[in-house]
Amino acid sequence: MPLDPKHLLSRQFAPVEQAYSARDSMCYALGIGLGADPLDAGQLRYVYEHARGGLQALPTLVNVLGYSGFWADQPDTGITWQKLVHAEQAFVLHRPLPAQGRVVGRNKVTALYDKGPDKGALMMQERQVHDAATGELLATVTQTTMLRADGGFAAGGATAGSPPPPHAMPEREPDAVCDLATLPQAALLYRLNGDFNPLHADPAVAQAAGFARPILHGLCTMGIAMHAVLNTVLAYDAATVRGMRVRFTAPVLPGETLRTAIWVDGPVVSLRTTALERGVVVLNAGRVDLSRPPAPI
């Protein structure tokens, strides 16, 4: 069936209740690449339950909590799911994430922007993550997906206006640069967090989508960029992180080295990530919001 914007905008998603353990937090961090240096006490905060000061959760863990799963391939959506691309992701933490807990995620499609028959469409989703026991709102997660083969429906109910503009990047040289390697099996590890899109595991599906091989999840790349900020700016202490926003500009091939350029302006950290071997920018217009300015780099 063709994409029906009114149907997507009113589509109902069942609340997703999820219990996550310290083991889940550690597995997530390992999938991002934390623990690559097993002697680094900062990295151990996220991958070892007896680390000094206790186990911490990476802020980007919220991206996989209360997640409704890969639903775009369901027949009622009308989405050409083989052609979709994750375009942008953001989250706001209303309080720091505990390393274990029980949450409820409530997802909805909030906007559909039609770019034209040959240019596709942008679909925006929002997920509110609540503490399952108290009902407290822990985080708000937003996602923008590029539906590359589903544009041209403007007369049928597209959202008016335009999506939010990207974060404006500083024009000066970066204040710091951080290089982090990825594993060849990084996508196979990361998908165990709940995103089972076969684009990241099945060579035939990747080739049908126009890629030579399975690509890394954009959310894994986002987590690696957060790792770079923790490494370079925050001394591996995530307590001051309040939010993050990134734009995905190109896919990452598992095994590549990711170089993140970082700019610090008070409590705002801007970032841009490049796949070093190909010289391709894979994340741009990145922003991490802190509750207070960090110590000088």
C-alpha atoms as a PDB file:
ATOM      1  CA  MET A   1       0.000   0.000   0.000  1.00  0.00           C
ATOM      2  CA  PRO A   2       1.245   3.580  -0.635  1.00  0.00           C
ATOM      3  CA  LEU A   3       2.268   5.798   2.261  1.00  0.00           C
ATOM      4  CA  ASP A   4      -0.737   7.502   3.889  1.00  0.00           C
ATOM      5  CA  PRO A   5       0.500  10.478   5.957  1.00  0.00           C
ATOM      6  CA  LYS A   6      -2.744  10.786   7.932  1.00  0.00           C
ATOM      7  CA  HIS A   7      -2.475   7.137   8.911  1.00  0.00           C
ATOM      8  CA  LEU A   8       1.143   7.466  10.003  1.00  0.00           C
ATOM      9  CA  LEU A   9       0.497  10.642  12.009  1.00  0.00           C
ATOM     10  CA  SER A  10      -2.331   8.932  13.890  1.00  0.00           C
ATOM     11  CA  ARG A  11      -0.669   5.523  14.145  1.00  0.00           C
ATOM     12  CA  GLN A  12      -0.950   4.019  17.610  1.00  0.00           C
ATOM     13  CA  PHE A  13       2.065   2.449  19.308  1.00  0.00           C
ATOM     14  CA  ALA A  14       1.670   0.253  22.340  1.00  0.00           C
ATOM     15  CA  PRO A  15       3.662   1.466  25.365  1.00  0.00           C
ATOM     16  CA  VAL A  16       6.912  -0.465  25.697  1.00  0.00           C
ATOM     17  CA  GLU A  17       7.830  -1.465  29.227  1.00  0.00           C
ATOM     18  CA  GLN A  18      11.442  -2.490  29.641  1.00  0.00           C
ATOM     19  CA  ALA A  19      13.510  -3.594  32.590  1.00  0.00           C
ATOM     20  CA  TYR A  20      17.214  -3.081  32.054  1.00  0.00           C
ATOM     21  CA  SER A  21      19.994  -4.332  34.243  1.00  0.00           C
ATOM     22  CA  ALA A  22      23.557  -3.337  34.992  1.00  0.00           C
ATOM     23  CA  ARG A  23      24.532  -6.054  32.534  1.00  0.00           C
ATOM     24  CA  ASP A  24      22.482  -4.348  29.807  1.00  0.00           C
ATOM     25  CA  SER A  25      24.189  -1.016  30.502  1.00  0.00           C
ATOM     26  CA  MET A  26      27.588  -2.670  30.327  1.00  0.00           C
ATOM     27  CA  CYS A  27      26.762  -4.530  27.090  1.00  0.00           C
ATOM     28  CA  TYR A  28      25.573  -1.268  25.534  1.00  0.00           C
ATOM     29  CA  ALA A  29      28.808   0.480  26.491  1.00  0.00           C
ATOM     30  CA  LEU A  30      30.894  -2.406  25.146  1.00  0.00           C
ATOM     31  CA  GLY A  31      28.964  -2.214  21.849  1.00  0.00           C
ATOM     32  CA  ILE A  32      29.866   1.481  21.599  1.00  0.00           C
ATOM     33  CA  GLY A  33      33.545   0.665  22.163  1.00  0.00           C
ATOM     34  CA  LEU A  34      34.080   1.470  25.842  1.00  0.00           C
ATOM     35  CA  GLY A  35      36.590  -0.842  27.464  1.00  0.00           C
ATOM     36  CA  ALA A  36      38.933  -0.843  24.470  1.00  0.00           C
ATOM     37  CA  ASP A  37      41.602   0.126  27.003  1.00  0.00           C
ATOM     38  CA  PRO A  38      40.938  -2.190  29.948  1.00  0.00           C
ATOM     39  CA  LEU A  39      43.399  -0.196  32.106  1.00  0.00           C
ATOM     40  CA  ASP A  40      41.514   3.091  31.661  1.00  0.00           C
ATOM     41  CA  ALA A  41      39.620   3.730  34.901  1.00  0.00           C
ATOM     42  CA  GLY A  42      37.355   6.222  33.140  1.00  0.00           C
ATOM     43  CA  GLN A  43      36.133   3.657  30.633  1.00  0.00           C
ATOM     44  CA  LEU A  44      35.715   1.052  33.364  1.00  0.00           C
ATOM     45  CA  ARG A  45      33.024   3.264  34.942  1.00  0.00           C
ATOM     46  CA  TYR A  46      30.686   2.086  32.173  1.00  0.00           C
ATOM     47  CA  VAL A  47      31.666  -1.554  31.742  1.00  0.00           C
ATOM     48  CA  TYR A  48      32.560  -2.865  35.235  1.00  0.00           C
ATOM     49  CA  GLU A  49      30.020  -3.222  38.013  1.00  0.00           C
ATOM     50  CA  HIS A  50      32.638  -2.731  40.750  1.00  0.00           C
ATOM     51  CA  ALA A  51      34.260   0.341  39.237  1.00  0.00           C
ATOM     52  CA  ARG A  52      35.266   3.005  41.733  1.00  0.00           C
ATOM     53  CA  GLY A  53      32.262   5.245  42.353  1.00  0.00           C
ATOM     54  CA  GLY A  54      29.839   2.670  40.970  1.00  0.00           C
ATOM     55  CA  LEU A  55      28.660   1.778  37.505  1.00  0.00           C
ATOM     56  CA  GLN A  56      27.447   4.678  35.326  1.00  0.00           C
ATOM     57  CA  ALA A  57      25.126   4.544  32.328  1.00  0.00           C
ATOM     58  CA  LEU A  58      26.193   6.229  29.113  1.00  0.00           C
ATOM     59  CA  PRO A  59      23.735   9.072  28.377  1.00  0.00           C
ATOM     60  CA  THR A  60      23.146   7.685  24.871  1.00  0.00           C
ATOM     61  CA  LEU A  61      21.780   4.478  26.432  1.00  0.00           C
ATOM     62  CA  VAL A  62      18.442   6.307  26.477  1.00  0.00           C
ATOM     63  CA  ASN A  63      18.264   5.838  22.697  1.00  0.00           C
ATOM     64  CA  VAL A  64      17.535   2.130  23.197  1.00  0.00           C
ATOM     65  CA  LEU A  65      15.256   2.330  26.263  1.00  0.00           C
ATOM     66  CA  GLY A  66      11.530   1.865  25.745  1.00  0.00           C
ATOM     67  CA  TYR A  67      12.218   1.522  22.027  1.00  0.00           C
ATOM     68  CA  SER A  68       9.331   0.207  19.948  1.00  0.00           C
ATOM     69  CA  GLY A  69      11.601  -1.722  17.609  1.00  0.00           C
ATOM     70  CA  PHE A  70      11.975  -1.540  13.852  1.00  0.00           C
ATOM     71  CA  TRP A  71       8.350  -1.110  12.790  1.00  0.00           C
ATOM     72  CA  ALA A  72       8.676   0.600   9.366  1.00  0.00           C
ATOM     73  CA  ASP A  73       8.569  -2.774   7.580  1.00  0.00           C
ATOM     74  CA  GLN A  74       5.047  -3.529   8.823  1.00  0.00           C
ATOM     75  CA  PRO A  75       2.516  -3.660   5.931  1.00  0.00           C
ATOM     76  CA  ASP A  76       0.222  -0.906   7.210  1.00  0.00           C
ATOM     77  CA  THR A  77       2.910   1.798   7.107  1.00  0.00           C
ATOM     78  CA  GLY A  78       3.277   2.094   3.329  1.00  0.00           C
ATOM     79  CA  ILE A  79       6.951   2.915   3.908  1.00  0.00           C
ATOM     80  CA  THR A  80       9.536   1.608   1.440  1.00  0.00           C
ATOM     81  CA  TRP A  81      11.567   0.485   4.423  1.00  0.00           C
ATOM     82  CA  GLN A  82      14.509  -0.817   2.360  1.00  0.00           C
ATOM     83  CA  LYS A  83      15.212   2.785   1.321  1.00  0.00           C
ATOM     84  CA  LEU A  84      14.850   4.612   4.629  1.00  0.00           C
ATOM     85  CA  VAL A  85      17.848   6.254   6.305  1.00  0.00           C
ATOM     86  CA  HIS A  86      18.172   7.520   9.848  1.00  0.00           C
ATOM     87  CA  ALA A  87      18.726  11.267   9.402  1.00  0.00           C
ATOM     88  CA  GLU A  88      18.868  12.846  12.867  1.00  0.00           C
ATOM     89  CA  GLN A  89      18.616  11.902  16.535  1.00  0.00           C
ATOM     90  CA  ALA A  90      18.316  13.928  19.720  1.00  0.00           C
ATOM     91  CA  PHE A  91      17.527  13.425  23.376  1.00  0.00           C
ATOM     92  CA  VAL A  92      16.959  15.516  26.470  1.00  0.00           C
ATOM     93  CA  LEU A  93      17.653  13.985  29.872  1.00  0.00           C
ATOM     94  CA  HIS A  94      15.342  15.297  32.562  1.00  0.00           C
ATOM     95  CA  ARG A  95      17.606  13.615  35.098  1.00  0.00           C
ATOM     96  CA  PRO A  96      20.714  11.414  34.809  1.00  0.00           C
ATOM     97  CA  LEU A  97      19.982   7.826  33.786  1.00  0.00           C
ATOM     98  CA  PRO A  98      20.463   5.150  36.422  1.00  0.00           C
ATOM     99  CA  ALA A  99      22.596   2.184  35.406  1.00  0.00           C
ATOM    100  CA  GLN A 100      19.598  -0.110  35.896  1.00  0.00           C
ATOM    101  CA  GLY A 101      15.869   0.325  36.206  1.00  0.00           C
ATOM    102  CA  ARG A 102      12.454  -0.227  34.666  1.00  0.00           C
ATOM    103  CA  VAL A 103      11.038   2.222  32.140  1.00  0.00           C
ATOM    104  CA  VAL A 104       8.033   2.753  29.878  1.00  0.00           C
ATOM    105  CA  GLY A 105       8.501   4.244  26.412  1.00  0.00           C
ATOM    106  CA  ARG A 106       5.634   5.969  24.601  1.00  0.00           C
ATOM    107  CA  ASN A 107       6.290   6.561  20.915  1.00  0.00           C
ATOM    108  CA  LYS A 108       4.443   8.638  18.318  1.00  0.00           C
ATOM    109  CA  VAL A 109       4.992  10.060  14.845  1.00  0.00           C
ATOM    110  CA  THR A 110       4.937  13.840  15.243  1.00  0.00           C
ATOM    111  CA  ALA A 111       5.515  15.186  11.699  1.00  0.00           C
ATOM    112  CA  LEU A 112       5.878  14.215   8.023  1.00  0.00           C
ATOM    113  CA  TYR A 113       7.599  16.689   5.719  1.00  0.00           C
ATOM    114  CA  ASP A 114       7.227  16.031   1.987  1.00  0.00           C
ATOM    115  CA  LYS A 115      10.328  16.925  -0.028  1.00  0.00           C
ATOM    116  CA  GLY A 116       8.840  15.906  -3.396  1.00  0.00           C
ATOM    117  CA  PRO A 117       8.323  12.790  -5.579  1.00  0.00           C
ATOM    118  CA  ASP A 118      12.021  12.437  -6.379  1.00  0.00           C
ATOM    119  CA  LYS A 119      13.388  13.668  -3.033  1.00  0.00           C
ATOM    120  CA  GLY A 120      11.546  11.595  -0.455  1.00  0.00           C
ATOM    121  CA  ALA A 121      10.105  12.691   2.876  1.00  0.00           C
ATOM    122  CA  LEU A 122      11.186  13.318   6.463  1.00  0.00           C
ATOM    123  CA  MET A 123       9.387  11.519   9.289  1.00  0.00           C
ATOM    124  CA  MET A 124       9.823  12.773  12.845  1.00  0.00           C
ATOM    125  CA  GLN A 125       9.111  10.639  15.913  1.00  0.00           C
ATOM    126  CA  GLU A 126       9.105  11.362  19.632  1.00  0.00           C
ATOM    127  CA  ARG A 127       9.503   8.896  22.483  1.00  0.00           C
ATOM    128  CA  GLN A 128       8.938   9.825  26.086  1.00  0.00           C
ATOM    129  CA  VAL A 129      10.733   7.551  28.542  1.00  0.00           C
ATOM    130  CA  HIS A 130       9.174   7.336  32.008  1.00  0.00           C
ATOM    131  CA  ASP A 131      10.193   5.585  35.192  1.00  0.00           C
ATOM    132  CA  ALA A 132       7.799   2.626  35.282  1.00  0.00           C
ATOM    133  CA  ALA A 133       7.418   2.720  39.077  1.00  0.00           C
ATOM    134  CA  THR A 134       6.929   6.450  39.680  1.00  0.00           C
ATOM    135  CA  GLY A 135       5.755   7.724  36.287  1.00  0.00           C
ATOM    136  CA  GLU A 136       8.518  10.370  36.340  1.00  0.00           C
ATOM    137  CA  LEU A 137       9.612  11.567  32.902  1.00  0.00           C
ATOM    138  CA  LEU A 138      13.265  10.573  32.541  1.00  0.00           C
ATOM    139  CA  ALA A 139      13.986  11.596  28.952  1.00  0.00           C
ATOM    140  CA  THR A 140      12.515  12.772  25.672  1.00  0.00           C
ATOM    141  CA  VAL A 141      13.994  11.173  22.553  1.00  0.00           C
ATOM    142  CA  THR A 142      13.370  12.469  19.030  1.00  0.00           C
ATOM    143  CA  GLN A 143      14.270  10.822  15.741  1.00  0.00           C
ATOM    144  CA  THR A 144      14.149  12.032  12.133  1.00  0.00           C
ATOM    145  CA  THR A 145      14.061   9.423   9.367  1.00  0.00           C
ATOM    146  CA  MET A 146      14.588  10.101   5.668  1.00  0.00           C
ATOM    147  CA  LEU A 147      12.067   8.094   3.625  1.00  0.00           C
ATOM    148  CA  ARG A 148      14.033   8.187   0.379  1.00  0.00           C
ATOM    149  CA  ALA A 149      11.383   6.542  -1.811  1.00  0.00           C
ATOM    150  CA  ASP A 150       8.163   7.907  -0.296  1.00  0.00           C
ATOM    151  CA  GLY A 151       7.862  11.595  -1.224  1.00  0.00           C
ATOM    152  CA  GLY A 152       5.184  13.288  -3.293  1.00  0.00           C
ATOM    153  CA  PHE A 153       2.165  13.115  -0.968  1.00  0.00           C
ATOM    154  CA  ALA A 154       1.896  16.808   0.027  1.00  0.00           C
ATOM    155  CA  ALA A 155      -1.749  17.094  -1.052  1.00  0.00           C
ATOM    156  CA  GLY A 156      -2.567  14.157   1.186  1.00  0.00           C
ATOM    157  CA  GLY A 157      -1.730  15.605   4.581  1.00  0.00           C
ATOM    158  CA  ALA A 158       1.954  16.522   4.924  1.00  0.00           C
ATOM    159  CA  THR A 159       2.957  18.576   7.965  1.00  0.00           C
ATOM    160  CA  ALA A 160       3.134  22.305   7.244  1.00  0.00           C
ATOM    161  CA  GLY A 161       6.345  24.243   7.638  1.00  0.00           C
ATOM    162  CA  SER A 162       9.872  22.885   7.865  1.00  0.00           C
ATOM    163  CA  PRO A 163      11.802  20.742  10.322  1.00  0.00           C
ATOM    164  CA  PRO A 164      14.021  22.495  12.893  1.00  0.00           C
ATOM    165  CA  PRO A 165      17.236  23.902  11.386  1.00  0.00           C
ATOM    166  CA  PRO A 166      20.514  22.125  12.182  1.00  0.00           C
ATOM    167  CA  HIS A 167      22.774  23.241  14.998  1.00  0.00           C
ATOM    168  CA  ALA A 168      25.084  26.018  13.765  1.00  0.00           C
ATOM    169  CA  MET A 169      28.687  24.838  13.892  1.00  0.00           C
ATOM    170  CA  PRO A 170      31.569  27.095  15.016  1.00  0.00           C
ATOM    171  CA  GLU A 171      33.720  28.425  12.185  1.00  0.00           C
ATOM    172  CA  ARG A 172      37.037  28.316  14.086  1.00  0.00           C
ATOM    173  CA  GLU A 173      39.453  25.393  14.294  1.00  0.00           C
ATOM    174  CA  PRO A 174      38.320  22.700  16.756  1.00  0.00           C
ATOM    175  CA  ASP A 175      39.434  22.882  20.369  1.00  0.00           C
ATOM    176  CA  ALA A 176      40.171  19.143  20.437  1.00  0.00           C
ATOM    177  CA  VAL A 177      40.134  16.038  18.246  1.00  0.00           C
ATOM    178  CA  CYS A 178      39.528  12.452  19.353  1.00  0.00           C
ATOM    179  CA  ASP A 179      40.127   9.314  17.218  1.00  0.00           C
ATOM    180  CA  LEU A 180      38.269   6.116  18.132  1.00  0.00           C
ATOM    181  CA  ALA A 181      38.477   2.824  16.247  1.00  0.00           C
ATOM    182  CA  THR A 182      35.423   0.666  15.550  1.00  0.00           C
ATOM    183  CA  LEU A 183      35.359  -3.122  15.397  1.00  0.00           C
ATOM    184  CA  PRO A 184      34.571  -4.981  12.143  1.00  0.00           C
ATOM    185  CA  GLN A 185      31.722  -6.701  14.035  1.00  0.00           C
ATOM    186  CA  ALA A 186      30.486  -3.460  15.656  1.00  0.00           C
ATOM    187  CA  ALA A 187      27.079  -3.506  13.914  1.00  0.00           C
ATOM    188  CA  LEU A 188      26.480  -7.132  14.892  1.00  0.00           C
ATOM    189  CA  LEU A 189      27.216  -6.233  18.506  1.00  0.00           C
ATOM    190  CA  TYR A 190      25.185  -3.043  18.569  1.00  0.00           C
ATOM    191  CA  ARG A 191      22.050  -4.638  17.094  1.00  0.00           C
ATOM    192  CA  LEU A 192      21.760  -6.745  20.261  1.00  0.00           C
ATOM    193  CA  ASN A 193      20.492  -3.570  21.958  1.00  0.00           C
ATOM    194  CA  GLY A 194      17.218  -4.046  20.060  1.00  0.00           C
ATOM    195  CA  ASP A 195      17.578  -2.532  16.576  1.00  0.00           C
ATOM    196  CA  PHE A 196      17.320  -5.573  14.325  1.00  0.00           C
ATOM    197  CA  ASN A 197      17.082  -3.757  10.991  1.00  0.00           C
ATOM    198  CA  PRO A 198      18.726  -6.309   8.641  1.00  0.00           C
ATOM    199  CA  LEU A 199      20.497  -3.448   6.853  1.00  0.00           C
ATOM    200  CA  HIS A 200      23.115  -3.763   9.596  1.00  0.00           C
ATOM    201  CA  ALA A 201      23.606  -7.532   9.377  1.00  0.00           C
ATOM    202  CA  ASP A 202      22.472  -9.012   6.056  1.00  0.00           C
ATOM    203  CA  PRO A 203      24.750  -8.333   3.039  1.00  0.00           C
ATOM    204  CA  ALA A 204      21.889  -8.995   0.586  1.00  0.00           C
ATOM    205  CA  VAL A 205      19.620  -6.432   2.273  1.00  0.00           C
ATOM    206  CA  ALA A 206      22.446  -3.877   2.379  1.00  0.00           C
ATOM    207  CA  GLN A 207      23.157  -4.365  -1.326  1.00  0.00           C
ATOM    208  CA  ALA A 208      19.454  -4.000  -2.193  1.00  0.00           C
ATOM    209  CA  ALA A 209      19.526  -0.665  -0.345  1.00  0.00           C
ATOM    210  CA  GLY A 210      22.519   0.503  -2.383  1.00  0.00           C
ATOM    211  CA  PHE A 211      25.329  -0.260   0.054  1.00  0.00           C
ATOM    212  CA  ALA A 212      28.236  -2.569  -0.709  1.00  0.00           C
ATOM    213  CA  ARG A 213      28.062  -4.139   2.760  1.00  0.00           C
ATOM    214  CA  PRO A 214      26.109  -3.848   6.019  1.00  0.00           C
ATOM    215  CA  ILE A 215      26.575  -0.447   7.629  1.00  0.00           C
ATOM    216  CA  LEU A 216      26.868   0.660  11.236  1.00  0.00           C
ATOM    217  CA  HIS A 217      23.764   1.889  13.061  1.00  0.00           C
ATOM    218  CA  GLY A 218      23.627   5.660  13.191  1.00  0.00           C
ATOM    219  CA  LEU A 219      22.874   5.423  16.906  1.00  0.00           C
ATOM    220  CA  CYS A 220      26.106   3.491  17.419  1.00  0.00           C
ATOM    221  CA  THR A 221      27.988   6.287  15.655  1.00  0.00           C
ATOM    222  CA  MET A 222      26.208   8.770  17.926  1.00  0.00           C
ATOM    223  CA  GLY A 223      27.302   6.789  20.974  1.00  0.00           C
ATOM    224  CA  ILE A 224      30.893   6.814  19.734  1.00  0.00           C
ATOM    225  CA  ALA A 225      30.719  10.602  19.375  1.00  0.00           C
ATOM    226  CA  MET A 226      29.488  10.792  22.977  1.00  0.00           C
ATOM    227  CA  HIS A 227      32.444   8.594  23.945  1.00  0.00           C
ATOM    228  CA  ALA A 228      34.744  11.127  22.254  1.00  0.00           C
ATOM    229  CA  VAL A 229      33.208  13.958  24.307  1.00  0.00           C
ATOM    230  CA  LEU A 230      33.536  11.956  27.532  1.00  0.00           C
ATOM    231  CA  ASN A 231      37.153  11.144  26.679  1.00  0.00           C
ATOM    232  CA  THR A 232      38.186  14.649  25.655  1.00  0.00           C
ATOM    233  CA  VAL A 233      36.006  17.076  27.612  1.00  0.00           C
ATOM    234  CA  LEU A 234      34.422  15.367  30.610  1.00  0.00           C
ATOM    235  CA  ALA A 235      37.108  13.008  31.995  1.00  0.00           C
ATOM    236  CA  TYR A 236      34.597  10.146  31.568  1.00  0.00           C
ATOM    237  CA  ASP A 237      32.084  11.673  33.975  1.00  0.00           C
ATOM    238  CA  ALA A 238      28.659  11.949  32.316  1.00  0.00           C
ATOM    239  CA  ALA A 239      26.893  13.546  35.297  1.00  0.00           C
ATOM    240  CA  THR A 240      26.592  16.964  33.621  1.00  0.00           C
ATOM    241  CA  VAL A 241      25.223  15.737  30.264  1.00  0.00           C
ATOM    242  CA  ARG A 242      21.683  17.010  29.721  1.00  0.00           C
ATOM    243  CA  GLY A 243      21.128  16.350  26.026  1.00  0.00           C
ATOM    244  CA  MET A 244      22.573  15.615  22.612  1.00  0.00           C
ATOM    245  CA  ARG A 245      21.614  16.161  18.985  1.00  0.00           C
ATOM    246  CA  VAL A 246      23.344  14.899  15.834  1.00  0.00           C
ATOM    247  CA  ARG A 247      22.708  14.804  12.106  1.00  0.00           C
ATOM    248  CA  PHE A 248      23.732  11.644  10.222  1.00  0.00           C
ATOM    249  CA  THR A 249      25.391  12.637   6.945  1.00  0.00           C
ATOM    250  CA  ALA A 250      26.942   9.391   5.678  1.00  0.00           C
ATOM    251  CA  PRO A 251      27.044   5.737   6.728  1.00  0.00           C
ATOM    252  CA  VAL A 252      29.926   4.252   8.689  1.00  0.00           C
ATOM    253  CA  LEU A 253      31.463   0.951   7.647  1.00  0.00           C
ATOM    254  CA  PRO A 254      32.262  -1.208  10.686  1.00  0.00           C
ATOM    255  CA  GLY A 255      35.999  -1.281  11.252  1.00  0.00           C
ATOM    256  CA  GLU A 256      36.620   2.349  10.334  1.00  0.00           C
ATOM    257  CA  THR A 257      38.313   4.882  12.603  1.00  0.00           C
ATOM    258  CA  LEU A 258      36.071   7.776  13.627  1.00  0.00           C
ATOM    259  CA  ARG A 259      37.662  11.178  14.216  1.00  0.00           C
ATOM    260  CA  THR A 260      35.516  13.600  16.213  1.00  0.00           C
ATOM    261  CA  ALA A 261      36.352  17.300  16.131  1.00  0.00           C
ATOM    262  CA  ILE A 262      35.119  19.125  19.238  1.00  0.00           C
ATOM    263  CA  TRP A 263      34.377  22.766  20.047  1.00  0.00           C
ATOM    264  CA  VAL A 264      33.559  23.935  23.599  1.00  0.00           C
ATOM    265  CA  ASP A 265      31.537  27.103  24.176  1.00  0.00           C
ATOM    266  CA  GLY A 266      30.495  27.235  27.797  1.00  0.00           C
ATOM    267  CA  PRO A 267      27.967  24.452  28.453  1.00  0.00           C
ATOM    268  CA  VAL A 268      27.547  23.708  24.720  1.00  0.00           C
ATOM    269  CA  VAL A 269      29.867  21.205  23.029  1.00  0.00           C
ATOM    270  CA  SER A 270      29.705  21.117  19.216  1.00  0.00           C
ATOM    271  CA  LEU A 271      31.036  18.137  17.281  1.00  0.00           C
ATOM    272  CA  ARG A 272      31.634  16.751  13.809  1.00  0.00           C
ATOM    273  CA  THR A 273      32.732  13.147  13.136  1.00  0.00           C
ATOM    274  CA  THR A 274      34.648  11.894  10.088  1.00  0.00           C
ATOM    275  CA  ALA A 275      35.363   8.349   8.903  1.00  0.00           C
ATOM    276  CA  LEU A 276      39.103   8.773   8.774  1.00  0.00           C
ATOM    277  CA  GLU A 277      40.002   6.176   6.148  1.00  0.00           C
ATOM    278  CA  ARG A 278      37.585   7.649   3.577  1.00  0.00           C
ATOM    279  CA  GLY A 279      37.694  11.280   4.671  1.00  0.00           C
ATOM    280  CA  VAL A 280      33.859  11.334   4.810  1.00  0.00           C
ATOM    281  CA  VAL A 281      31.879  13.353   7.361  1.00  0.00           C
ATOM    282  CA  VAL A 282      29.450  10.897   8.985  1.00  0.00           C
ATOM    283  CA  LEU A 283      28.028  13.102  11.770  1.00  0.00           C
ATOM    284  CA  ASN A 284      27.569  16.842  11.509  1.00  0.00           C
ATOM    285  CA  ALA A 285      25.799  19.658  13.325  1.00  0.00           C
ATOM    286  CA  GLY A 286      26.376  17.723  16.549  1.00  0.00           C
ATOM    287  CA  ARG A 287      25.668  19.276  19.909  1.00  0.00           C
ATOM    288  CA  VAL A 288      25.969  18.106  23.519  1.00  0.00           C
ATOM    289  CA  ASP A 289      24.332  20.242  26.209  1.00  0.00           C
ATOM    290  CA  LEU A 290      25.819  20.271  29.702  1.00  0.00           C
ATOM    291  CA  SER A 291      24.418  21.544  32.993  1.00  0.00           C
ATOM    292  CA  ARG A 292      27.569  23.630  33.486  1.00  0.00           C
ATOM    293  CA  PRO A 293      30.713  24.481  31.522  1.00  0.00           C
ATOM    294  CA  PRO A 294      33.386  21.767  31.666  1.00  0.00           C
ATOM    295  CA  ALA A 295      36.929  22.232  32.937  1.00  0.00           C
ATOM    296  CA  PRO A 296      39.287  23.672  30.303  1.00  0.00           C
ATOM    297  CA  ILE A 297      40.631  21.082  27.868  1.00  0.00           C
END
